[in-house]
Amino acid sequence: MEESIRDAFQLERVNPARIPSLSLAYLGDAVFELVVRTVLLEKGNSPNGALYARSLPYVSAVGQAKMAEALLPLLSEEEAAVYRRGKNSKPEHGAKNASALEYRKATGLETLFGTLYLQGRRERLLELIKEGMEHVGTA
Protein backbone atom coordinates (compact mmCIF):
# COMPACT_ATOMS: atom_id res chain seq x y z
CA MET A 1 0.00 0.00 0.00
CA GLU A 2 2.87 2.38 0.76
CA GLU A 3 4.00 2.22 -2.90
CA SER A 4 0.48 3.04 -4.09
CA ILE A 5 0.40 6.05 -1.79
CA ARG A 6 3.82 7.19 -3.01
CA ASP A 7 2.70 6.82 -6.63
CA ALA A 8 -0.63 8.61 -6.14
CA PHE A 9 0.97 11.56 -4.35
CA GLN A 10 4.29 11.53 -6.24
CA LEU A 11 6.34 11.02 -3.08
CA GLU A 12 9.96 9.99 -2.82
CA ARG A 13 10.88 7.03 -0.62
CA VAL A 14 12.35 8.22 2.68
CA ASN A 15 14.93 6.54 4.85
CA PRO A 16 13.22 5.65 8.17
CA ALA A 17 16.55 6.09 9.99
CA ARG A 18 16.30 9.82 9.18
CA ILE A 19 12.79 10.16 10.64
CA PRO A 20 12.31 10.86 14.37
CA SER A 21 11.27 7.74 16.24
CA LEU A 22 8.08 9.35 17.57
CA SER A 23 7.04 10.17 13.99
CA LEU A 24 7.63 6.53 13.03
CA ALA A 25 5.56 5.48 16.06
CA TYR A 26 2.77 7.83 14.92
CA LEU A 27 2.70 6.08 11.54
CA GLY A 28 3.19 2.61 13.05
CA ASP A 29 0.22 3.14 15.36
CA ALA A 30 -2.01 3.93 12.38
CA VAL A 31 -0.75 0.95 10.36
CA PHE A 32 -1.22 -1.38 13.32
CA GLU A 33 -4.72 -0.07 13.99
CA LEU A 34 -5.66 -0.54 10.34
CA VAL A 35 -4.51 -4.17 10.41
CA VAL A 36 -6.32 -4.90 13.69
CA ARG A 37 -9.54 -3.25 12.51
CA THR A 38 -9.41 -5.16 9.22
CA VAL A 39 -8.90 -8.49 11.00
CA LEU A 40 -11.69 -7.89 13.51
CA LEU A 41 -14.16 -6.63 10.91
CA GLU A 42 -13.53 -9.50 8.53
CA LYS A 43 -13.73 -12.10 11.30
CA GLY A 44 -17.24 -10.96 12.08
CA ASN A 45 -18.81 -7.59 11.48
CA SER A 46 -20.33 -6.13 14.64
CA PRO A 47 -21.63 -2.76 15.77
CA ASN A 48 -18.87 -0.15 16.11
CA GLY A 49 -18.94 -0.29 19.91
CA ALA A 50 -18.36 -4.05 19.87
CA LEU A 51 -15.55 -3.74 17.33
CA TYR A 52 -13.92 -1.06 19.44
CA ALA A 53 -14.17 -3.21 22.59
CA ARG A 54 -12.67 -6.19 20.74
CA SER A 55 -9.77 -4.05 19.53
CA LEU A 56 -8.75 -2.72 22.96
CA PRO A 57 -6.67 -5.70 24.10
CA TYR A 58 -4.52 -5.22 21.00
CA VAL A 59 -4.31 -1.48 20.44
CA SER A 60 -3.89 -0.38 24.05
CA ALA A 61 -0.41 0.42 25.36
CA VAL A 62 -0.74 -2.50 27.78
CA GLY A 63 -1.58 -4.91 24.96
CA GLN A 64 1.17 -3.57 22.74
CA ALA A 65 3.68 -3.90 25.60
CA LYS A 66 2.70 -7.58 25.96
CA MET A 67 3.14 -8.01 22.22
CA ALA A 68 6.56 -6.37 22.34
CA GLU A 69 7.73 -8.75 25.06
CA ALA A 70 6.57 -11.75 23.03
CA LEU A 71 8.10 -10.49 19.79
CA LEU A 72 11.51 -9.40 21.08
CA PRO A 73 13.08 -12.88 20.74
CA LEU A 74 11.86 -13.03 17.12
CA LEU A 75 13.39 -9.74 16.00
CA SER A 76 16.54 -9.44 13.93
CA GLU A 77 19.34 -7.27 15.32
CA GLU A 78 18.27 -4.43 13.02
CA GLU A 79 14.61 -4.71 14.10
CA ALA A 80 15.58 -4.87 17.78
CA ALA A 81 17.65 -1.70 17.34
CA VAL A 82 14.65 0.10 15.81
CA TYR A 83 12.46 -1.12 18.69
CA ARG A 84 14.99 0.14 21.28
CA ARG A 85 15.24 3.48 19.48
CA GLY A 86 11.49 3.95 19.81
CA LYS A 87 11.34 2.60 23.35
CA ASN A 88 14.04 5.02 24.46
CA SER A 89 12.43 8.08 22.87
CA LYS A 90 10.98 10.76 25.09
CA PRO A 91 7.27 11.21 24.34
CA GLU A 92 5.62 14.42 25.52
CA HIS A 93 2.91 12.50 27.36
CA GLY A 94 2.12 8.99 28.55
CA ALA A 95 -0.81 6.62 28.39
CA LYS A 96 -3.71 7.08 30.76
CA ASN A 97 -4.11 3.40 31.61
CA ALA A 98 -0.56 2.09 31.34
CA SER A 99 2.68 2.39 33.23
CA ALA A 100 5.52 4.49 31.83
CA LEU A 101 7.42 1.30 30.93
CA GLU A 102 4.41 -0.22 29.14
CA TYR A 103 3.96 3.01 27.20
CA ARG A 104 7.62 3.03 26.18
CA LYS A 105 7.44 -0.61 25.03
CA ALA A 106 4.32 0.20 23.01
CA THR A 107 6.08 3.18 21.45
CA GLY A 108 9.02 0.95 20.52
CA LEU A 109 6.69 -1.53 18.86
CA GLU A 110 4.88 1.22 16.95
CA THR A 111 8.25 2.60 15.82
CA LEU A 112 9.17 -0.82 14.47
CA PHE A 113 5.84 -1.16 12.67
CA GLY A 114 6.21 2.30 11.12
CA THR A 115 9.72 1.48 9.95
CA LEU A 116 8.73 -1.85 8.41
CA TYR A 117 5.82 -0.16 6.65
CA LEU A 118 8.02 2.57 5.14
CA GLN A 119 10.58 -0.03 4.08
CA GLY A 120 7.86 -1.89 2.20
CA ARG A 121 8.43 -4.99 4.32
CA ARG A 122 4.71 -5.84 4.38
CA GLU A 123 5.11 -9.60 4.89
CA ARG A 124 7.39 -9.15 7.90
CA LEU A 125 5.09 -6.49 9.33
CA LEU A 126 2.06 -8.76 9.06
CA GLU A 127 4.00 -11.74 10.41
CA LEU A 128 4.93 -9.80 13.56
CA ILE A 129 1.45 -8.34 14.02
CA LYS A 130 -0.14 -11.78 13.63
CA GLU A 131 2.27 -13.33 16.12
CA GLY A 132 1.70 -10.46 18.56
CA MET A 133 -2.08 -10.69 18.30
CA GLU A 134 -1.94 -14.43 18.89
CA HIS A 135 0.11 -13.82 22.02
CA VAL A 136 -2.42 -11.32 23.42
CA GLY A 137 -5.44 -13.49 22.55
CA THR A 138 -7.56 -14.68 19.70
CA ALA A 139 -8.96 -12.01 17.42
C-alpha atoms as a PDB file:
ATOM      1  CA  MET A   1       0.000   0.000   0.000  1.00  0.00           C
ATOM      2  CA  GLU A   2       2.873   2.380   0.760  1.00  0.00           C
ATOM      3  CA  GLU A   3       4.000   2.218  -2.899  1.00  0.00           C
ATOM      4  CA  SER A   4       0.478   3.036  -4.091  1.00  0.00           C
ATOM      5  CA  ILE A   5       0.404   6.050  -1.794  1.00  0.00           C
ATOM      6  CA  ARG A   6       3.823   7.188  -3.013  1.00  0.00           C
ATOM      7  CA  ASP A   7       2.702   6.822  -6.634  1.00  0.00           C
ATOM      8  CA  ALA A   8      -0.625   8.611  -6.143  1.00  0.00           C
ATOM      9  CA  PHE A   9       0.968  11.561  -4.353  1.00  0.00           C
ATOM     10  CA  GLN A  10       4.290  11.526  -6.236  1.00  0.00           C
ATOM     11  CA  LEU A  11       6.337  11.023  -3.082  1.00  0.00           C
ATOM     12  CA  GLU A  12       9.958   9.988  -2.817  1.00  0.00           C
ATOM     13  CA  ARG A  13      10.882   7.030  -0.620  1.00  0.00           C
ATOM     14  CA  VAL A  14      12.345   8.220   2.680  1.00  0.00           C
ATOM     15  CA  ASN A  15      14.926   6.535   4.853  1.00  0.00           C
ATOM     16  CA  PRO A  16      13.216   5.650   8.167  1.00  0.00           C
ATOM     17  CA  ALA A  17      16.548   6.092   9.985  1.00  0.00           C
ATOM     18  CA  ARG A  18      16.304   9.821   9.181  1.00  0.00           C
ATOM     19  CA  ILE A  19      12.789  10.161  10.644  1.00  0.00           C
ATOM     20  CA  PRO A  20      12.312  10.863  14.366  1.00  0.00           C
ATOM     21  CA  SER A  21      11.269   7.744  16.242  1.00  0.00           C
ATOM     22  CA  LEU A  22       8.085   9.346  17.572  1.00  0.00           C
ATOM     23  CA  SER A  23       7.038  10.165  13.994  1.00  0.00           C
ATOM     24  CA  LEU A  24       7.625   6.534  13.032  1.00  0.00           C
ATOM     25  CA  ALA A  25       5.559   5.482  16.063  1.00  0.00           C
ATOM     26  CA  TYR A  26       2.767   7.826  14.925  1.00  0.00           C
ATOM     27  CA  LEU A  27       2.704   6.076  11.541  1.00  0.00           C
ATOM     28  CA  GLY A  28       3.185   2.613  13.048  1.00  0.00           C
ATOM     29  CA  ASP A  29       0.215   3.138  15.365  1.00  0.00           C
ATOM     30  CA  ALA A  30      -2.013   3.927  12.377  1.00  0.00           C
ATOM     31  CA  VAL A  31      -0.748   0.955  10.357  1.00  0.00           C
ATOM     32  CA  PHE A  32      -1.224  -1.381  13.323  1.00  0.00           C
ATOM     33  CA  GLU A  33      -4.715  -0.070  13.991  1.00  0.00           C
ATOM     34  CA  LEU A  34      -5.664  -0.543  10.336  1.00  0.00           C
ATOM     35  CA  VAL A  35      -4.514  -4.173  10.410  1.00  0.00           C
ATOM     36  CA  VAL A  36      -6.321  -4.903  13.692  1.00  0.00           C
ATOM     37  CA  ARG A  37      -9.538  -3.249  12.505  1.00  0.00           C
ATOM     38  CA  THR A  38      -9.411  -5.161   9.219  1.00  0.00           C
ATOM     39  CA  VAL A  39      -8.899  -8.490  11.002  1.00  0.00           C
ATOM     40  CA  LEU A  40     -11.686  -7.886  13.507  1.00  0.00           C
ATOM     41  CA  LEU A  41     -14.155  -6.633  10.909  1.00  0.00           C
ATOM     42  CA  GLU A  42     -13.531  -9.502   8.527  1.00  0.00           C
ATOM     43  CA  LYS A  43     -13.728 -12.099  11.298  1.00  0.00           C
ATOM     44  CA  GLY A  44     -17.242 -10.961  12.079  1.00  0.00           C
ATOM     45  CA  ASN A  45     -18.814  -7.591  11.478  1.00  0.00           C
ATOM     46  CA  SER A  46     -20.333  -6.126  14.637  1.00  0.00           C
ATOM     47  CA  PRO A  47     -21.627  -2.757  15.768  1.00  0.00           C
ATOM     48  CA  ASN A  48     -18.874  -0.146  16.112  1.00  0.00           C
ATOM     49  CA  GLY A  49     -18.941  -0.294  19.910  1.00  0.00           C
ATOM     50  CA  ALA A  50     -18.357  -4.046  19.874  1.00  0.00           C
ATOM     51  CA  LEU A  51     -15.549  -3.741  17.331  1.00  0.00           C
ATOM     52  CA  TYR A  52     -13.918  -1.055  19.444  1.00  0.00           C
ATOM     53  CA  ALA A  53     -14.174  -3.211  22.593  1.00  0.00           C
ATOM     54  CA  ARG A  54     -12.672  -6.191  20.744  1.00  0.00           C
ATOM     55  CA  SER A  55      -9.767  -4.053  19.534  1.00  0.00           C
ATOM     56  CA  LEU A  56      -8.755  -2.715  22.961  1.00  0.00           C
ATOM     57  CA  PRO A  57      -6.672  -5.701  24.097  1.00  0.00           C
ATOM     58  CA  TYR A  58      -4.522  -5.225  20.998  1.00  0.00           C
ATOM     59  CA  VAL A  59      -4.309  -1.476  20.441  1.00  0.00           C
ATOM     60  CA  SER A  60      -3.885  -0.375  24.053  1.00  0.00           C
ATOM     61  CA  ALA A  61      -0.411   0.418  25.358  1.00  0.00           C
ATOM     62  CA  VAL A  62      -0.736  -2.501  27.783  1.00  0.00           C
ATOM     63  CA  GLY A  63      -1.585  -4.907  24.960  1.00  0.00           C
ATOM     64  CA  GLN A  64       1.173  -3.570  22.744  1.00  0.00           C
ATOM     65  CA  ALA A  65       3.679  -3.900  25.595  1.00  0.00           C
ATOM     66  CA  LYS A  66       2.697  -7.581  25.956  1.00  0.00           C
ATOM     67  CA  MET A  67       3.144  -8.009  22.224  1.00  0.00           C
ATOM     68  CA  ALA A  68       6.559  -6.368  22.338  1.00  0.00           C
ATOM     69  CA  GLU A  69       7.735  -8.748  25.062  1.00  0.00           C
ATOM     70  CA  ALA A  70       6.568 -11.754  23.029  1.00  0.00           C
ATOM     71  CA  LEU A  71       8.098 -10.487  19.791  1.00  0.00           C
ATOM     72  CA  LEU A  72      11.514  -9.404  21.082  1.00  0.00           C
ATOM     73  CA  PRO A  73      13.081 -12.882  20.736  1.00  0.00           C
ATOM     74  CA  LEU A  74      11.856 -13.033  17.118  1.00  0.00           C
ATOM     75  CA  LEU A  75      13.392  -9.741  16.002  1.00  0.00           C
ATOM     76  CA  SER A  76      16.535  -9.436  13.931  1.00  0.00           C
ATOM     77  CA  GLU A  77      19.340  -7.272  15.317  1.00  0.00           C
ATOM     78  CA  GLU A  78      18.267  -4.430  13.023  1.00  0.00           C
ATOM     79  CA  GLU A  79      14.610  -4.714  14.096  1.00  0.00           C
ATOM     80  CA  ALA A  80      15.576  -4.869  17.775  1.00  0.00           C
ATOM     81  CA  ALA A  81      17.650  -1.702  17.341  1.00  0.00           C
ATOM     82  CA  VAL A  82      14.652   0.105  15.812  1.00  0.00           C
ATOM     83  CA  TYR A  83      12.457  -1.118  18.688  1.00  0.00           C
ATOM     84  CA  ARG A  84      14.986   0.140  21.278  1.00  0.00           C
ATOM     85  CA  ARG A  85      15.243   3.483  19.484  1.00  0.00           C
ATOM     86  CA  GLY A  86      11.493   3.947  19.811  1.00  0.00           C
ATOM     87  CA  LYS A  87      11.339   2.601  23.350  1.00  0.00           C
ATOM     88  CA  ASN A  88      14.040   5.025  24.461  1.00  0.00           C
ATOM     89  CA  SER A  89      12.426   8.077  22.865  1.00  0.00           C
ATOM     90  CA  LYS A  90      10.978  10.760  25.090  1.00  0.00           C
ATOM     91  CA  PRO A  91       7.271  11.213  24.335  1.00  0.00           C
ATOM     92  CA  GLU A  92       5.615  14.418  25.521  1.00  0.00           C
ATOM     93  CA  HIS A  93       2.905  12.499  27.359  1.00  0.00           C
ATOM     94  CA  GLY A  94       2.117   8.991  28.552  1.00  0.00           C
ATOM     95  CA  ALA A  95      -0.810   6.618  28.388  1.00  0.00           C
ATOM     96  CA  LYS A  96      -3.714   7.078  30.760  1.00  0.00           C
ATOM     97  CA  ASN A  97      -4.108   3.399  31.607  1.00  0.00           C
ATOM     98  CA  ALA A  98      -0.556   2.088  31.338  1.00  0.00           C
ATOM     99  CA  SER A  99       2.678   2.388  33.234  1.00  0.00           C
ATOM    100  CA  ALA A 100       5.522   4.485  31.833  1.00  0.00           C
ATOM    101  CA  LEU A 101       7.416   1.295  30.933  1.00  0.00           C
ATOM    102  CA  GLU A 102       4.407  -0.216  29.144  1.00  0.00           C
ATOM    103  CA  TYR A 103       3.961   3.012  27.202  1.00  0.00           C
ATOM    104  CA  ARG A 104       7.624   3.034  26.179  1.00  0.00           C
ATOM    105  CA  LYS A 105       7.441  -0.608  25.035  1.00  0.00           C
ATOM    106  CA  ALA A 106       4.319   0.202  23.008  1.00  0.00           C
ATOM    107  CA  THR A 107       6.081   3.184  21.451  1.00  0.00           C
ATOM    108  CA  GLY A 108       9.016   0.953  20.523  1.00  0.00           C
ATOM    109  CA  LEU A 109       6.693  -1.529  18.862  1.00  0.00           C
ATOM    110  CA  GLU A 110       4.880   1.218  16.954  1.00  0.00           C
ATOM    111  CA  THR A 111       8.246   2.600  15.822  1.00  0.00           C
ATOM    112  CA  LEU A 112       9.173  -0.824  14.471  1.00  0.00           C
ATOM    113  CA  PHE A 113       5.836  -1.159  12.669  1.00  0.00           C
ATOM    114  CA  GLY A 114       6.205   2.303  11.116  1.00  0.00           C
ATOM    115  CA  THR A 115       9.716   1.475   9.955  1.00  0.00           C
ATOM    116  CA  LEU A 116       8.730  -1.851   8.410  1.00  0.00           C
ATOM    117  CA  TYR A 117       5.821  -0.163   6.648  1.00  0.00           C
ATOM    118  CA  LEU A 118       8.022   2.568   5.142  1.00  0.00           C
ATOM    119  CA  GLN A 119      10.582  -0.034   4.085  1.00  0.00           C
ATOM    120  CA  GLY A 120       7.855  -1.886   2.196  1.00  0.00           C
ATOM    121  CA  ARG A 121       8.427  -4.994   4.315  1.00  0.00           C
ATOM    122  CA  ARG A 122       4.714  -5.838   4.385  1.00  0.00           C
ATOM    123  CA  GLU A 123       5.110  -9.600   4.886  1.00  0.00           C
ATOM    124  CA  ARG A 124       7.389  -9.147   7.898  1.00  0.00           C
ATOM    125  CA  LEU A 125       5.093  -6.486   9.328  1.00  0.00           C
ATOM    126  CA  LEU A 126       2.057  -8.763   9.057  1.00  0.00           C
ATOM    127  CA  GLU A 127       4.003 -11.740  10.407  1.00  0.00           C
ATOM    128  CA  LEU A 128       4.929  -9.801  13.557  1.00  0.00           C
ATOM    129  CA  ILE A 129       1.445  -8.338  14.024  1.00  0.00           C
ATOM    130  CA  LYS A 130      -0.145 -11.777  13.632  1.00  0.00           C
ATOM    131  CA  GLU A 131       2.266 -13.332  16.124  1.00  0.00           C
ATOM    132  CA  GLY A 132       1.699 -10.461  18.556  1.00  0.00           C
ATOM    133  CA  MET A 133      -2.080 -10.694  18.295  1.00  0.00           C
ATOM    134  CA  GLU A 134      -1.942 -14.433  18.889  1.00  0.00           C
ATOM    135  CA  HIS A 135       0.105 -13.819  22.018  1.00  0.00           C
ATOM    136  CA  VAL A 136      -2.420 -11.325  23.422  1.00  0.00           C
ATOM    137  CA  GLY A 137      -5.436 -13.485  22.547  1.00  0.00           C
ATOM    138  CA  THR A 138      -7.561 -14.685  19.703  1.00  0.00           C
ATOM    139  CA  ALA A 139      -8.964 -12.009  17.423  1.00  0.00           C
END
